[in-house]
């Protein structure tokens, strides 16, 4: 078994095995033979892992197609360049999410807490909620959530938001991501939000930021490992007299690798004194390189590294040491511990744990972190040199700042960053998320007590059956019919007419509809019934078949108010004024 290189696996790998936890997921390979599936299941069960096997067409449509061909580029703001909207991929994404739900239901037990992770399973919370309405569900997105203008490009945007809202607690790395999600949810669906709480069918869903940490003690301890010390000493000897700049990424267009190379090239061009004195040690972990866009990206990186080395190399010095492969954690630890500067400059990233791994490994309290403002980690590691990854000259200047920074200034910054990484570690992240989950469930339970319980329902029925003279007041919009953005579309249907007729046919019942609607509206919809009607919040009443208005009311005030409201109609696209006999309503 080989551990995944992804940030999620790296972050949670050392945590999930403590306690009575089970991790359900795709094992990363296609396994078709039943006997092999059985063997793998048994092998993974020993480390609390449960596999969900995917066929080749599912891997293609769900993982490579929709997850990485639609969600990944749009969530990283690369919609026009890389997004490919294929309906077949969407259908495959739905089917695989349902496959995960069925596998989850096989192992889930009453009282379990289900924590769903990342963009590949956006529909899963809603699917689980539909099957188990009372289960505790958390969801965490490990990549950025885009602004509404980007997210709305996805043809199936509403279904994705509905799926995520199946969770009780929705977590993001940053406040901006949480805000973008709340904005998208309230614009796309008929849900209300108050601060960071979205109400979905009377169920409050809390949306918050939980910056993910790492196992800092593990990285600090690695620096004392014999193999790591040996490798670190070898690196120091190899780069003796030269400054080492480190760059570690998975192959991806969102990581800003080409821009980083351009900045390094500019450094050598504008500061020739660093020629032969600085080395960029660049590791790129292979990823999706069979996909055309990634293939092209790798070719461009290969070409740029070749150009820089061809232009500046000397007999005993290469400016860029480029490796296209994964390395064991001991080698990475030695590099973290040895590198004078770590470059983490993605164009867009959820958190980026490499920055925190570098800081945790700097037990000597030296070193410089150059960090993109587009990475979630920049909101926490504010003592890094923060850069805009699109500004090549600014990044080159940041490299100069890092190379010339005094040891005292390095120590001051690194100590502060190490305190942050130590306090807000992976265990802290898991603990605060789970504590918040319990708080959310308590809040939901408290709110449920405000609604009619089964006991109250039985009591109401009992009293109803005993009484012989009843009056029933019913609101219209939001009660008898759902709210509509087009007010004229909120018309009663035959099912509602049948219900009201059934109620009013009982001679013991007097049924009254109370509404803010105009009396003309109510007359058009209910004039043929024997219901009592109250319109414009009481301005009009229909008794015994005749409409009457309250004596003394006038509408002279409208001529002063209407122009004021009309001003705001002009300023607000989509707004309009609804005029009634004794009231004006501004809709927006």
Protein backbone atom coordinates (compact mmCIF):
# COMPACT_ATOMS: atom_id res chain seq x y z
CA UNK A 1 0.00 0.00 0.00
CA UNK A 2 1.24 3.48 -0.91
CA UNK A 3 0.03 6.55 1.01
CA UNK A 4 -1.67 9.21 -1.12
CA UNK A 5 0.28 12.42 -1.80
CA UNK A 6 -2.85 14.61 -1.38
CA UNK A 7 -3.16 17.23 1.34
CA UNK A 8 -6.22 15.59 2.89
CA UNK A 9 -4.52 12.19 3.26
CA UNK A 10 -1.37 13.86 4.59
CA UNK A 11 -3.32 15.94 7.10
CA UNK A 12 -5.71 13.33 8.44
CA UNK A 13 -3.54 10.25 7.98
CA UNK A 14 -2.17 10.31 11.51
CA UNK A 15 -5.44 11.31 13.18
CA UNK A 16 -8.24 9.09 11.89
CA UNK A 17 -6.70 5.89 13.32
CA UNK A 18 -7.09 7.15 16.89
CA UNK A 19 -10.47 6.30 18.41
CA UNK A 20 -13.27 4.34 16.81
CA UNK A 21 -13.02 5.92 13.35
CA UNK A 22 -13.44 4.40 9.90
CA UNK A 23 -12.27 6.07 6.68
CA UNK A 24 -14.34 5.20 3.60
CA UNK A 25 -12.95 6.13 0.17
CA UNK A 26 -11.73 5.13 -3.27
CA UNK A 27 -8.42 3.21 -3.05
CA UNK A 28 -7.04 5.01 -6.12
CA UNK A 29 -6.90 2.05 -8.54
CA UNK A 30 -9.33 0.08 -10.69
CA UNK A 31 -10.01 -3.40 -9.27
CA UNK A 32 -12.43 -5.54 -11.30
CA UNK A 33 -11.84 -9.06 -9.98
CA UNK A 34 -14.05 -9.95 -6.99
CA UNK A 35 -11.36 -12.02 -5.26
CA UNK A 36 -8.93 -9.07 -5.46
CA UNK A 37 -11.59 -6.70 -4.10
CA UNK A 38 -12.13 -9.10 -1.21
CA UNK A 39 -8.38 -9.30 -0.49
CA UNK A 40 -8.01 -5.52 -0.59
CA UNK A 41 -11.01 -5.04 1.72
CA UNK A 42 -9.46 -7.38 4.29
CA UNK A 43 -6.07 -5.72 4.01
CA UNK A 44 -7.51 -2.22 4.40
CA UNK A 45 -9.77 -3.24 7.30
CA UNK A 46 -6.64 -3.74 9.43
CA UNK A 47 -5.99 0.02 9.21
CA UNK A 48 -9.67 1.09 9.54
CA UNK A 49 -10.12 1.78 5.83
CA UNK A 50 -13.19 0.80 3.79
CA UNK A 51 -12.79 0.88 -0.02
CA UNK A 52 -15.39 1.98 -2.57
CA UNK A 53 -14.32 0.42 -5.87
CA UNK A 54 -14.83 2.37 -9.11
CA UNK A 55 -14.91 0.98 -12.65
CA UNK A 56 -12.79 2.52 -15.43
CA UNK A 57 -15.73 4.48 -16.90
CA UNK A 58 -16.57 5.84 -13.43
CA UNK A 59 -12.98 6.96 -12.87
CA UNK A 60 -13.09 8.65 -16.27
CA UNK A 61 -16.48 10.36 -15.91
CA UNK A 62 -16.65 11.05 -12.17
CA UNK A 63 -13.05 11.68 -11.17
CA UNK A 64 -11.25 12.87 -14.29
CA UNK A 65 -14.38 14.22 -15.99
CA UNK A 66 -16.63 16.11 -13.58
CA UNK A 67 -14.48 16.43 -10.44
CA UNK A 68 -11.31 17.53 -12.21
CA UNK A 69 -12.76 18.76 -15.50
CA UNK A 70 -15.48 21.01 -14.07
CA UNK A 71 -15.24 21.52 -10.29
CA UNK A 72 -11.47 21.84 -9.95
CA UNK A 73 -10.96 24.50 -12.68
CA UNK A 74 -14.00 26.55 -11.68
CA UNK A 75 -13.22 26.44 -7.96
CA UNK A 76 -9.68 27.61 -8.81
CA UNK A 77 -10.90 30.36 -11.20
CA UNK A 78 -9.80 28.67 -14.44
CA UNK A 79 -13.27 28.27 -15.96
CA UNK A 80 -12.73 29.57 -19.48
CA UNK A 81 -9.42 27.73 -19.95
CA UNK A 82 -10.08 24.27 -18.58
CA UNK A 83 -13.76 23.64 -17.69
CA UNK A 84 -15.57 21.08 -19.87
CA UNK A 85 -19.31 20.66 -19.17
CA UNK A 86 -20.40 17.19 -20.29
CA UNK A 87 -23.81 15.93 -19.16
CA UNK A 88 -22.55 12.34 -19.16
CA UNK A 89 -19.84 13.33 -16.65
CA UNK A 90 -22.47 14.97 -14.43
CA UNK A 91 -24.60 11.81 -14.50
CA UNK A 92 -21.54 9.74 -13.61
CA UNK A 93 -20.73 12.13 -10.72
CA UNK A 94 -24.26 11.65 -9.35
CA UNK A 95 -24.08 7.88 -9.70
CA UNK A 96 -20.73 7.61 -7.91
CA UNK A 97 -21.91 9.89 -5.09
CA UNK A 98 -24.90 7.55 -4.75
CA UNK A 99 -22.49 4.59 -4.74
CA UNK A 100 -20.65 6.19 -1.80
CA UNK A 101 -23.97 6.73 -0.02
CA UNK A 102 -24.93 3.05 -0.34
CA UNK A 103 -21.48 1.96 0.88
CA UNK A 104 -21.76 4.40 3.79
CA UNK A 105 -25.18 3.10 4.81
CA UNK A 106 -23.73 -0.42 5.03
CA UNK A 107 -21.32 0.57 7.80
CA UNK A 108 -23.08 3.54 9.48
CA UNK A 109 -24.66 2.85 12.86
CA UNK A 110 -27.16 4.86 14.96
CA UNK A 111 -25.43 7.71 16.77
CA UNK A 112 -22.53 7.88 14.31
CA UNK A 113 -21.11 11.19 13.14
CA UNK A 114 -20.40 11.27 9.40
CA UNK A 115 -17.71 13.69 8.20
CA UNK A 116 -17.64 14.07 4.41
CA UNK A 117 -14.61 15.61 2.72
CA UNK A 118 -13.96 17.56 -0.44
CA UNK A 119 -15.22 18.47 -3.88
CA UNK A 120 -15.56 14.91 -5.20
CA UNK A 121 -18.51 14.27 -2.83
CA UNK A 122 -20.57 17.49 -2.92
CA UNK A 123 -23.85 15.59 -3.42
CA UNK A 124 -23.23 13.02 -0.69
CA UNK A 125 -24.43 15.05 2.36
CA UNK A 126 -27.86 15.56 0.75
CA UNK A 127 -28.12 11.90 -0.27
CA UNK A 128 -27.29 10.72 3.25
CA UNK A 129 -29.74 13.24 4.76
CA UNK A 130 -32.54 11.92 2.53
CA UNK A 131 -31.99 8.37 3.85
CA UNK A 132 -31.16 9.25 7.48
CA UNK A 133 -32.80 12.60 8.36
CA UNK A 134 -31.52 12.74 11.95
CA UNK A 135 -27.89 11.67 11.47
CA UNK A 136 -25.04 14.11 12.30
CA UNK A 137 -23.30 15.16 9.07
CA UNK A 138 -20.29 17.42 8.71
CA UNK A 139 -18.82 18.56 5.41
CA UNK A 140 -15.43 20.14 4.76
CA UNK A 141 -14.16 21.57 1.46
CA UNK A 142 -10.37 21.45 1.10
CA UNK A 143 -10.16 23.66 -1.98
CA UNK A 144 -11.34 27.28 -2.40
CA UNK A 145 -15.04 27.96 -2.91
CA UNK A 146 -15.36 30.45 -5.80
CA UNK A 147 -17.29 33.69 -5.95
CA UNK A 148 -20.91 33.43 -7.11
CA UNK A 149 -20.07 34.76 -10.59
CA UNK A 150 -17.72 31.81 -11.12
CA UNK A 151 -19.86 29.18 -9.42
CA UNK A 152 -22.99 30.09 -11.40
CA UNK A 153 -21.24 28.97 -14.60
CA UNK A 154 -21.79 25.34 -13.58
CA UNK A 155 -25.02 24.10 -15.21
CA UNK A 156 -25.84 21.92 -12.16
CA UNK A 157 -25.02 24.59 -9.55
CA UNK A 158 -28.36 24.33 -7.69
CA UNK A 159 -28.09 20.57 -7.22
CA UNK A 160 -24.54 20.93 -5.89
CA UNK A 161 -25.58 23.53 -3.29
CA UNK A 162 -28.57 21.37 -2.25
CA UNK A 163 -26.21 18.43 -1.81
CA UNK A 164 -23.80 20.37 0.43
CA UNK A 165 -26.70 21.77 2.49
CA UNK A 166 -27.54 18.21 3.55
CA UNK A 167 -24.78 18.67 6.15
CA UNK A 168 -25.34 20.17 9.61
CA UNK A 169 -21.97 21.94 9.66
CA UNK A 170 -20.14 23.10 6.53
CA UNK A 171 -16.47 23.97 6.91
CA UNK A 172 -14.03 25.91 4.75
CA UNK A 173 -10.41 26.96 5.18
CA UNK A 174 -11.09 30.72 5.09
CA UNK A 175 -13.79 33.26 5.90
CA UNK A 176 -13.87 34.32 2.22
CA UNK A 177 -14.73 30.77 1.11
CA UNK A 178 -17.55 30.56 3.68
CA UNK A 179 -18.91 33.95 2.54
CA UNK A 180 -18.85 32.89 -1.12
CA UNK A 181 -20.79 29.73 -0.26
CA UNK A 182 -23.48 31.59 1.73
CA UNK A 183 -23.83 34.07 -1.15
CA UNK A 184 -24.24 31.26 -3.71
CA UNK A 185 -26.74 29.34 -1.54
CA UNK A 186 -29.00 32.35 -0.89
CA UNK A 187 -28.93 33.43 -4.54
CA UNK A 188 -29.55 30.03 -6.08
CA UNK A 189 -32.01 28.46 -3.64
CA UNK A 190 -35.08 29.69 -1.71
CA UNK A 191 -33.20 29.64 1.63
CA UNK A 192 -32.61 32.36 4.17
CA UNK A 193 -29.30 33.17 5.85
CA UNK A 194 -28.74 35.05 9.08
CA UNK A 195 -25.05 35.73 9.63
CA UNK A 196 -23.45 32.29 9.08
CA UNK A 197 -26.61 30.18 9.59
CA UNK A 198 -28.63 29.01 6.57
CA UNK A 199 -32.12 27.70 7.30
CA UNK A 200 -33.06 24.70 5.15
CA UNK A 201 -36.60 23.35 5.73
CA UNK A 202 -36.57 24.64 9.35
CA UNK A 203 -33.16 23.01 9.90
CA UNK A 204 -30.32 25.43 10.69
CA UNK A 205 -27.08 24.70 8.81
CA UNK A 206 -23.97 26.43 10.13
CA UNK A 207 -21.23 27.61 7.73
CA UNK A 208 -17.84 28.44 9.25
CA UNK A 209 -14.12 28.62 8.55
CA UNK A 210 -11.81 26.04 10.15
CA UNK A 211 -8.22 26.56 8.93
CA UNK A 212 -6.68 23.10 8.65
CA UNK A 213 -3.44 22.35 10.49
CA UNK A 214 -0.80 19.63 10.27
CA UNK A 215 0.75 17.12 12.66
CA UNK A 216 3.47 19.61 13.69
CA UNK A 217 5.02 17.27 16.27
CA UNK A 218 5.55 14.62 13.59
CA UNK A 219 7.49 17.06 11.36
CA UNK A 220 9.50 18.42 14.28
CA UNK A 221 10.37 14.87 15.40
CA UNK A 222 11.43 13.88 11.88
CA UNK A 223 14.30 16.37 12.03
CA UNK A 224 15.81 14.21 14.81
CA UNK A 225 15.48 11.02 12.74
CA UNK A 226 18.87 9.46 11.89
CA UNK A 227 18.07 9.09 8.20
CA UNK A 228 16.83 12.69 8.00
CA UNK A 229 19.97 13.99 9.77
CA UNK A 230 22.12 12.01 7.35
CA UNK A 231 20.29 13.41 4.30
CA UNK A 232 20.33 16.95 5.73
CA UNK A 233 24.10 16.76 6.23
CA UNK A 234 24.50 15.51 2.66
CA UNK A 235 22.42 18.46 1.37
CA UNK A 236 24.49 20.96 3.38
CA UNK A 237 27.69 19.47 1.96
CA UNK A 238 26.31 19.38 -1.60
CA UNK A 239 25.12 23.02 -1.53
CA UNK A 240 28.00 24.30 0.61
CA UNK A 241 28.43 28.05 0.13
CA UNK A 242 25.16 28.31 -1.79
CA UNK A 243 21.65 29.35 -0.70
CA UNK A 244 18.96 26.73 -1.21
CA UNK A 245 15.45 27.71 -2.32
CA UNK A 246 12.87 24.92 -2.10
CA UNK A 247 9.70 24.43 -4.15
CA UNK A 248 7.42 21.37 -3.69
CA UNK A 249 4.14 20.98 -5.60
CA UNK A 250 1.85 18.51 -7.24
CA UNK A 251 1.68 19.06 -11.02
CA UNK A 252 -1.22 21.47 -11.43
CA UNK A 253 -1.98 24.72 -13.24
CA UNK A 254 -3.24 26.27 -9.99
CA UNK A 255 0.16 25.96 -8.27
CA UNK A 256 1.85 28.87 -10.08
CA UNK A 257 4.92 26.78 -11.03
CA UNK A 258 5.67 28.59 -14.32
CA UNK A 259 5.27 32.01 -12.69
CA UNK A 260 7.70 30.94 -9.93
CA UNK A 261 10.27 29.90 -12.55
CA UNK A 262 9.81 33.22 -14.33
CA UNK A 263 10.44 35.06 -11.05
CA UNK A 264 13.58 33.01 -10.39
CA UNK A 265 14.79 33.73 -13.94
CA UNK A 266 14.17 37.45 -13.34
CA UNK A 267 16.16 37.23 -10.08
CA UNK A 268 19.20 35.88 -11.94
CA UNK A 269 18.75 38.42 -14.72
CA UNK A 270 18.46 41.48 -12.48
CA UNK A 271 20.80 40.31 -9.70
CA UNK A 272 23.73 38.58 -11.41
CA UNK A 273 25.54 38.52 -8.05
CA UNK A 274 23.37 35.50 -7.16
CA UNK A 275 24.56 33.47 -10.14
CA UNK A 276 26.40 30.39 -8.80
CA UNK A 277 25.28 31.32 -5.26
CA UNK A 278 21.59 30.29 -5.32
CA UNK A 279 19.95 27.00 -6.27
CA UNK A 280 16.22 26.43 -6.84
CA UNK A 281 15.47 22.84 -5.77
CA UNK A 282 12.14 22.11 -7.48
CA UNK A 283 10.15 18.94 -6.83
CA UNK A 284 6.98 18.31 -8.82
CA UNK A 285 4.91 15.27 -7.87
CA UNK A 286 3.34 13.64 -10.97
CA UNK A 287 -0.43 14.13 -11.25
CA UNK A 288 -2.95 13.63 -14.08
CA UNK A 289 -0.15 13.97 -16.66
CA UNK A 290 -2.15 11.90 -19.17
CA UNK A 291 -4.71 14.76 -19.33
CA UNK A 292 -3.87 17.11 -22.21
CA UNK A 293 -3.76 20.33 -20.16
CA UNK A 294 -1.43 18.77 -17.59
CA UNK A 295 0.71 17.26 -20.33
CA UNK A 296 1.11 20.72 -21.88
CA UNK A 297 1.86 22.25 -18.46
CA UNK A 298 4.62 19.72 -17.84
CA UNK A 299 6.10 20.37 -21.28
CA UNK A 300 6.11 24.13 -20.58
CA UNK A 301 7.77 23.58 -17.19
CA UNK A 302 10.39 21.26 -18.76
CA UNK A 303 11.07 23.88 -21.43
CA UNK A 304 11.36 26.77 -18.94
CA UNK A 305 13.71 24.80 -16.63
CA UNK A 306 15.80 23.87 -19.68
CA UNK A 307 15.95 27.51 -20.82
CA UNK A 308 17.08 28.78 -17.40
CA UNK A 309 19.69 26.05 -16.96
CA UNK A 310 20.97 26.42 -20.53
CA UNK A 311 21.34 30.17 -20.10
CA UNK A 312 22.95 30.33 -16.65
CA UNK A 313 24.55 26.92 -15.90
CA UNK A 314 28.27 26.69 -15.18
CA UNK A 315 30.52 23.64 -15.00
CA UNK A 316 29.80 22.99 -11.31
CA UNK A 317 26.44 24.77 -10.83
CA UNK A 318 22.90 24.38 -12.18
CA UNK A 319 20.45 27.10 -11.17
CA UNK A 320 17.43 24.73 -11.12
CA UNK A 321 17.55 21.20 -9.71
CA UNK A 322 14.33 19.79 -11.16
CA UNK A 323 12.77 16.48 -10.06
CA UNK A 324 9.55 15.08 -11.52
CA UNK A 325 8.75 12.35 -9.00
CA UNK A 326 7.57 11.79 -5.43
CA UNK A 327 10.05 11.55 -2.56
CA UNK A 328 9.80 9.78 0.81
CA UNK A 329 8.87 11.95 3.77
CA UNK A 330 12.40 11.63 5.22
CA UNK A 331 13.88 13.31 2.13
CA UNK A 332 11.24 16.07 2.25
CA UNK A 333 11.93 16.60 5.96
CA UNK A 334 15.68 16.97 5.26
CA UNK A 335 14.92 19.51 2.54
CA UNK A 336 12.50 21.47 4.76
CA UNK A 337 15.08 21.51 7.56
CA UNK A 338 17.92 22.59 5.26
CA UNK A 339 16.38 25.03 2.74
CA UNK A 340 17.06 28.72 3.37
CA UNK A 341 13.86 29.75 1.57
CA UNK A 342 10.63 27.88 0.85
CA UNK A 343 8.57 29.13 -2.11
CA UNK A 344 4.82 28.46 -1.81
CA UNK A 345 3.22 30.63 -4.48
CA UNK A 346 0.03 29.04 -5.87
CA UNK A 347 -2.29 31.08 -8.08
CA UNK A 348 -5.16 29.81 -5.93
CA UNK A 349 -5.17 27.24 -3.13
CA UNK A 350 -7.46 26.13 -0.32
CA UNK A 351 -4.84 26.03 2.45
CA UNK A 352 -1.52 24.61 1.15
CA UNK A 353 0.01 22.50 3.89
CA UNK A 354 3.55 22.60 2.42
CA UNK A 355 3.97 26.05 3.99
CA UNK A 356 3.06 24.68 7.43
CA UNK A 357 5.23 21.58 6.99
CA UNK A 358 8.22 23.83 6.24
CA UNK A 359 7.57 25.97 9.33
CA UNK A 360 7.09 22.89 11.57
CA UNK A 361 10.40 21.48 10.33
CA UNK A 362 12.37 24.66 11.14
CA UNK A 363 13.31 23.61 14.67
CA UNK A 364 16.39 25.87 14.46
CA UNK A 365 14.02 28.91 14.07
CA UNK A 366 15.63 30.14 10.86
CA UNK A 367 14.54 30.17 7.25
CA UNK A 368 12.23 32.34 5.14
CA UNK A 369 8.76 31.43 3.87
CA UNK A 370 7.59 33.24 0.72
CA UNK A 371 3.85 32.68 0.56
CA UNK A 372 1.13 33.52 -1.98
CA UNK A 373 -1.71 35.71 -0.76
CA UNK A 374 -3.98 33.35 -2.74
CA UNK A 375 -3.25 30.43 -0.39
CA UNK A 376 -5.48 29.99 2.65
CA UNK A 377 -2.35 29.67 4.83
CA UNK A 378 -1.55 33.36 4.19
CA UNK A 379 -4.42 34.32 6.52
CA UNK A 380 -2.59 32.58 9.39
CA UNK A 381 1.12 32.77 8.55
CA UNK A 382 1.17 36.55 8.35
CA UNK A 383 4.89 36.70 9.24
CA UNK A 384 5.82 35.09 5.94
CA UNK A 385 6.76 37.31 2.99
CA UNK A 386 3.35 37.57 1.32
CA UNK A 387 3.31 37.95 -2.49
CA UNK A 388 0.87 38.19 -5.38
CA UNK A 389 1.81 35.19 -7.57
CA UNK A 390 0.78 37.05 -10.74
CA UNK A 391 3.31 39.81 -10.02
CA UNK A 392 6.58 38.31 -11.28
CA UNK A 393 8.78 41.29 -10.38
CA UNK A 394 7.29 41.40 -6.87
CA UNK A 395 8.13 37.71 -6.38
CA UNK A 396 11.69 38.30 -7.57
CA UNK A 397 12.01 41.17 -5.06
CA UNK A 398 10.62 38.88 -2.34
CA UNK A 399 13.37 36.37 -3.17
CA UNK A 400 15.95 39.13 -2.74
CA UNK A 401 14.35 40.10 0.60
CA UNK A 402 14.53 36.49 1.72
CA UNK A 403 18.16 36.08 0.65
CA UNK A 404 19.22 39.28 2.44
CA UNK A 405 17.10 38.87 5.59
CA UNK A 406 19.12 38.88 8.80
CA UNK A 407 19.15 35.81 11.08
CA UNK A 408 17.53 37.87 13.86
CA UNK A 409 14.63 38.84 11.59
CA UNK A 410 14.32 35.27 10.34
CA UNK A 411 14.16 34.00 13.94
CA UNK A 412 11.59 36.63 14.95
CA UNK A 413 9.26 35.71 12.08
CA UNK A 414 9.81 31.94 12.29
CA UNK A 415 9.12 31.77 16.05
CA UNK A 416 5.77 33.52 15.55
CA UNK A 417 4.83 31.23 12.65
CA UNK A 418 5.89 28.14 14.58
CA UNK A 419 3.62 29.19 17.46
CA UNK A 420 0.67 29.42 15.04
CA UNK A 421 1.43 26.03 13.42
CA UNK A 422 1.89 24.42 16.84
CA UNK A 423 -1.32 25.78 18.36
CA UNK A 424 -3.58 25.31 15.34
CA UNK A 425 -2.43 21.78 14.52
CA UNK A 426 -4.41 18.91 12.96
CA UNK A 427 -5.73 17.67 16.31
CA UNK A 428 -6.94 21.15 17.19
CA UNK A 429 -8.68 21.35 13.80
CA UNK A 430 -10.48 18.01 14.28
CA UNK A 431 -11.41 18.87 17.87
CA UNK A 432 -12.95 22.30 17.16
CA UNK A 433 -14.85 20.94 14.14
CA UNK A 434 -16.34 18.08 16.17
CA UNK A 435 -17.14 20.36 19.13
CA UNK A 436 -18.92 22.74 16.77
CA UNK A 437 -20.84 19.79 15.32
CA UNK A 438 -22.20 18.99 18.79
CA UNK A 439 -23.15 22.65 19.31
CA UNK A 440 -24.98 22.73 15.98
CA UNK A 441 -26.95 19.56 16.79
CA UNK A 442 -27.88 21.06 20.20
CA UNK A 443 -29.03 24.24 18.46
CA UNK A 444 -31.11 22.23 16.00
CA UNK A 445 -32.65 20.27 18.87
CA UNK A 446 -33.49 23.51 20.73
CA UNK A 447 -35.14 24.96 17.62
CA UNK A 448 -37.11 21.77 17.06
CA UNK A 449 -38.83 22.26 20.41
CA UNK A 450 -40.41 25.43 19.02
CA UNK A 451 -42.24 23.41 16.40
CA UNK A 452 -45.24 21.17 16.89
CA UNK A 453 -44.15 17.85 18.38
CA UNK A 454 -45.96 14.52 18.02
CA UNK A 455 -47.41 14.96 21.52
CA UNK A 456 -48.72 18.43 20.66
CA UNK A 457 -50.16 17.12 17.38
CA UNK A 458 -52.14 14.44 19.25
CA UNK A 459 -53.40 17.06 21.75
CA UNK A 460 -54.52 19.38 18.92
CA UNK A 461 -56.36 16.53 17.21
CA UNK A 462 -58.05 15.54 20.47
CA UNK A 463 -59.25 19.09 21.20
CA UNK A 464 -60.28 19.58 17.56
CA UNK A 465 -62.47 16.49 17.65
CA UNK A 466 -64.10 17.55 20.94
CA UNK A 467 -65.06 21.09 19.85
CA UNK A 468 -68.22 21.97 17.89
CA UNK A 469 -67.45 25.58 16.94
CA UNK A 470 -64.07 26.37 15.41
CA UNK A 471 -62.45 29.33 13.63
CA UNK A 472 -59.31 28.64 11.57
CA UNK A 473 -57.08 31.52 10.40
CA UNK A 474 -54.73 30.70 7.52
CA UNK A 475 -51.98 32.91 6.05
CA UNK A 476 -51.52 32.68 2.27
CA UNK A 477 -47.97 33.35 0.96
CA UNK A 478 -45.44 31.09 2.65
CA UNK A 479 -48.15 29.00 4.34
CA UNK A 480 -50.74 27.80 1.84
CA UNK A 481 -48.34 28.34 -1.11
CA UNK A 482 -44.57 28.68 -1.25
CA UNK A 483 -42.87 32.02 -1.84
CA UNK A 484 -42.23 32.86 -5.48
CA UNK A 485 -39.96 35.50 -7.02
CA UNK A 486 -42.82 36.20 -9.47
CA UNK A 487 -45.73 37.10 -7.16
CA UNK A 488 -48.33 36.21 -9.80
CA UNK A 489 -46.94 32.67 -10.00
CA UNK A 490 -47.95 31.91 -6.38
CA UNK A 491 -51.40 30.69 -7.40
CA UNK A 492 -53.44 28.04 -5.54
CA UNK A 493 -53.50 24.60 -7.15
CA UNK A 494 -56.26 22.00 -7.15
CA UNK A 495 -54.78 20.18 -4.15
CA UNK A 496 -55.07 23.36 -2.05
CA UNK A 497 -58.65 23.99 -3.23
CA UNK A 498 -59.57 20.42 -2.22
CA UNK A 499 -58.01 20.84 1.25
CA UNK A 500 -59.80 24.14 1.88
CA UNK A 501 -63.09 22.70 0.64
CA UNK A 502 -62.71 19.74 2.97
CA UNK A 503 -62.10 22.07 5.92
CA UNK A 504 -64.95 24.47 5.12
CA UNK A 505 -67.48 21.68 4.39
CA UNK A 506 -67.45 20.85 8.11
CA UNK A 507 -70.33 22.99 9.56
CA UNK A 508 -68.35 23.41 12.80
CA UNK A 509 -65.53 25.19 10.95
CA UNK A 510 -65.25 28.84 9.95
CA UNK A 511 -62.17 29.20 7.69
CA UNK A 512 -60.57 32.63 7.20
CA UNK A 513 -57.68 33.40 4.83
CA UNK A 514 -55.67 36.39 6.07
CA UNK A 515 -53.25 37.90 3.55
CA UNK A 516 -51.33 41.00 2.52
CA UNK A 517 -52.58 40.40 -1.02
CA UNK A 518 -55.01 42.80 -2.70
CA UNK A 519 -58.70 41.97 -2.41
CA UNK A 520 -58.82 41.60 -6.22
CA UNK A 521 -56.17 38.85 -5.98
CA UNK A 522 -58.06 36.94 -3.30
CA UNK A 523 -61.37 37.40 -5.13
CA UNK A 524 -59.91 35.98 -8.35
CA UNK A 525 -58.53 32.94 -6.55
CA UNK A 526 -61.14 32.26 -3.84
CA UNK A 527 -64.25 34.22 -4.90
CA UNK A 528 -66.03 31.03 -5.91
CA UNK A 529 -65.61 29.47 -2.43
CA UNK A 530 -67.53 30.09 0.81
CA UNK A 531 -64.31 31.09 2.66
CA UNK A 532 -64.04 34.30 4.67
CA UNK A 533 -61.28 36.48 3.22
CA UNK A 534 -59.15 39.27 4.75
CA UNK A 535 -56.98 41.26 2.29
CA UNK A 536 -54.30 43.94 2.58
CA UNK A 537 -53.60 42.88 6.19
CA UNK A 538 -57.10 43.81 7.29
CA UNK A 539 -57.93 46.80 5.08
CA UNK A 540 -60.52 44.67 3.24
CA UNK A 541 -62.81 41.90 4.53
CA UNK A 542 -65.21 39.68 2.67
CA UNK A 543 -68.23 38.77 4.78
CA UNK A 544 -71.24 36.93 3.48
CA UNK A 545 -70.09 37.34 -0.13
CA UNK A 546 -69.47 41.10 0.04
CA UNK A 547 -66.15 42.99 0.24
CA UNK A 548 -65.96 45.88 2.72
CA UNK A 549 -63.07 48.20 3.56
CA UNK A 550 -62.37 49.66 6.99
CA UNK A 551 -64.12 53.05 7.25
CA UNK A 552 -61.88 56.14 7.33
CA UNK A 553 -59.01 54.75 5.25
CA UNK A 554 -57.61 56.93 2.45
CA UNK A 555 -54.86 56.62 -0.14
CA UNK A 556 -53.81 60.25 -0.43
CA UNK A 557 -50.39 59.50 1.11
CA UNK A 558 -49.46 57.38 -1.90
CA UNK A 559 -48.72 60.41 -4.09
CA UNK A 560 -45.89 61.40 -1.70
CA UNK A 561 -44.49 57.92 -1.12
CA UNK A 562 -44.71 56.47 -4.64
CA UNK A 563 -41.97 58.73 -6.16
CA UNK A 564 -39.63 57.82 -3.29
CA UNK A 565 -40.12 54.09 -3.88
CA UNK A 566 -39.84 54.63 -7.63
CA UNK A 567 -36.38 56.14 -7.14
CA UNK A 568 -35.20 52.88 -5.63
CA UNK A 569 -36.84 50.86 -8.42
CA UNK A 570 -34.69 52.86 -10.86
CA UNK A 571 -31.58 52.08 -8.83
CA UNK A 572 -32.27 48.38 -8.23
CA UNK A 573 -32.48 46.04 -11.25
CA UNK A 574 -35.32 43.54 -10.86
CA UNK A 575 -37.27 45.68 -8.33
CA UNK A 576 -40.86 46.78 -8.87
CA UNK A 577 -43.76 48.42 -7.00
CA UNK A 578 -46.97 46.52 -6.35
CA UNK A 579 -49.84 48.97 -5.82
CA UNK A 580 -52.92 48.01 -3.82
CA UNK A 581 -55.90 50.13 -2.75
CA UNK A 582 -54.43 51.20 0.57
CA UNK A 583 -50.80 50.10 0.38
CA UNK A 584 -47.64 50.09 -1.73
CA UNK A 585 -45.20 47.17 -1.74
CA UNK A 586 -41.61 47.41 -2.98
CA UNK A 587 -40.43 44.03 -4.30
CA UNK A 588 -36.73 43.35 -4.88
